[in-house]
Amino acid sequence: QEVGHKIDFREGPALPVLDHLLTD
């Protein structure tokens, strides 16, 4: 999901759980 990648770039590795939830 592009949303997950955007958050991963903007927030960095600070929210790996949230990124995982979005990508999942």
PDB file of N, CA and C in Angstrom:
ATOM      1  N   GLN A   1       0.828  -1.204   0.000  1.00  0.00           N
ATOM      2  CA  GLN A   1       0.000   0.000   0.000  1.00  0.00           C
ATOM      3  C   GLN A   1       0.867   1.260   0.000  1.00  0.00           C
ATOM      4  N   GLU A   2       0.513   2.195  -0.869  1.00  0.00           N
ATOM      5  CA  GLU A   2       1.279   3.442  -0.942  1.00  0.00           C
ATOM      6  C   GLU A   2       1.173   4.222   0.371  1.00  0.00           C
ATOM      7  N   VAL A   3       0.025   4.110   1.030  1.00  0.00           N
ATOM      8  CA  VAL A   3      -0.184   4.825   2.291  1.00  0.00           C
ATOM      9  C   VAL A   3       0.850   4.393   3.319  1.00  0.00           C
ATOM     10  N   GLY A   4       1.085   3.087   3.411  1.00  0.00           N
ATOM     11  CA  GLY A   4       2.065   2.561   4.356  1.00  0.00           C
ATOM     12  C   GLY A   4       3.452   3.108   4.074  1.00  0.00           C
ATOM     13  N   HIS A   5       3.811   3.152   2.770  1.00  0.00           N
ATOM     14  CA  HIS A   5       5.131   3.650   2.395  1.00  0.00           C
ATOM     15  C   HIS A   5       5.257   5.134   2.719  1.00  0.00           C
ATOM     16  N   LYS A   6       4.204   5.902   2.468  1.00  0.00           N
ATOM     17  CA  LYS A   6       4.247   7.334   2.758  1.00  0.00           C
ATOM     18  C   LYS A   6       4.454   7.572   4.247  1.00  0.00           C
ATOM     19  N   ILE A   7       3.719   6.833   5.065  1.00  0.00           N
ATOM     20  CA  ILE A   7       3.849   7.000   6.511  1.00  0.00           C
ATOM     21  C   ILE A   7       5.229   6.556   6.967  1.00  0.00           C
ATOM     22  N   ASP A   8       5.743   5.481   6.352  1.00  0.00           N
ATOM     23  CA  ASP A   8       7.069   4.982   6.718  1.00  0.00           C
ATOM     24  C   ASP A   8       8.134   6.024   6.392  1.00  0.00           C
ATOM     25  N   PHE A   9       7.950   6.768   5.309  1.00  0.00           N
ATOM     26  CA  PHE A   9       8.909   7.799   4.916  1.00  0.00           C
ATOM     27  C   PHE A   9       8.753   9.049   5.788  1.00  0.00           C
ATOM     28  N   ARG A  10       7.512   9.415   6.091  1.00  0.00           N
ATOM     29  CA  ARG A  10       7.269  10.641   6.855  1.00  0.00           C
ATOM     30  C   ARG A  10       7.575  10.439   8.341  1.00  0.00           C
ATOM     31  N   GLU A  11       7.119   9.295   8.888  1.00  0.00           N
ATOM     32  CA  GLU A  11       7.335   9.036  10.311  1.00  0.00           C
ATOM     33  C   GLU A  11       8.641   8.292  10.560  1.00  0.00           C
ATOM     34  N   GLY A  12       9.165   7.676   9.496  1.00  0.00           N
ATOM     35  CA  GLY A  12      10.379   6.884   9.659  1.00  0.00           C
ATOM     36  C   GLY A  12      10.070   5.582  10.397  1.00  0.00           C
ATOM     37  N   PRO A  13      11.070   4.944  10.979  1.00  0.00           N
ATOM     38  CA  PRO A  13      10.885   3.687  11.705  1.00  0.00           C
ATOM     39  C   PRO A  13      10.272   3.897  13.091  1.00  0.00           C
ATOM     40  N   ALA A  14       9.699   5.075  13.307  1.00  0.00           N
ATOM     41  CA  ALA A  14       9.122   5.379  14.612  1.00  0.00           C
ATOM     42  C   ALA A  14       7.803   4.629  14.818  1.00  0.00           C
ATOM     43  N   LEU A  15       7.084   4.386  13.706  1.00  0.00           N
ATOM     44  CA  LEU A  15       5.801   3.689  13.828  1.00  0.00           C
ATOM     45  C   LEU A  15       5.752   2.468  12.919  1.00  0.00           C
ATOM     46  N   PRO A  16       6.562   1.452  13.230  1.00  0.00           N
ATOM     47  CA  PRO A  16       6.590   0.241  12.408  1.00  0.00           C
ATOM     48  C   PRO A  16       5.290  -0.546  12.536  1.00  0.00           C
ATOM     49  N   VAL A  17       4.673  -0.478  13.709  1.00  0.00           N
ATOM     50  CA  VAL A  17       3.421  -1.202  13.946  1.00  0.00           C
ATOM     51  C   VAL A  17       2.303  -0.607  13.103  1.00  0.00           C
ATOM     52  N   LEU A  18       2.190   0.712  13.120  1.00  0.00           N
ATOM     53  CA  LEU A  18       1.138   1.381  12.365  1.00  0.00           C
ATOM     54  C   LEU A  18       1.329   1.128  10.876  1.00  0.00           C
ATOM     55  N   ASP A  19       2.572   1.176  10.420  1.00  0.00           N
ATOM     56  CA  ASP A  19       2.881   0.915   9.019  1.00  0.00           C
ATOM     57  C   ASP A  19       2.509  -0.514   8.657  1.00  0.00           C
ATOM     58  N   HIS A  20       2.772  -1.440   9.560  1.00  0.00           N
ATOM     59  CA  HIS A  20       2.457  -2.848   9.318  1.00  0.00           C
ATOM     60  C   HIS A  20       0.947  -3.034   9.217  1.00  0.00           C
ATOM     61  N   LEU A  21       0.204  -2.327  10.063  1.00  0.00           N
ATOM     62  CA  LEU A  21      -1.254  -2.446  10.046  1.00  0.00           C
ATOM     63  C   LEU A  21      -1.805  -1.937   8.718  1.00  0.00           C
ATOM     64  N   LEU A  22      -1.246  -0.847   8.222  1.00  0.00           N
ATOM     65  CA  LEU A  22      -1.721  -0.271   6.964  1.00  0.00           C
ATOM     66  C   LEU A  22      -1.361  -1.169   5.791  1.00  0.00           C
ATOM     67  N   THR A  23      -0.149  -1.708   5.814  1.00  0.00           N
ATOM     68  CA  THR A  23       0.287  -2.566   4.715  1.00  0.00           C
ATOM     69  C   THR A  23      -0.453  -3.899   4.759  1.00  0.00           C
ATOM     70  N   ASP A  24      -0.814  -4.349   5.964  1.00  0.00           N
ATOM     71  CA  ASP A  24      -1.513  -5.616   6.121  1.00  0.00           C
ATOM     72  C   ASP A  24      -2.970  -5.414   5.759  1.00  0.00           C
TER      73      ASP A  24
END
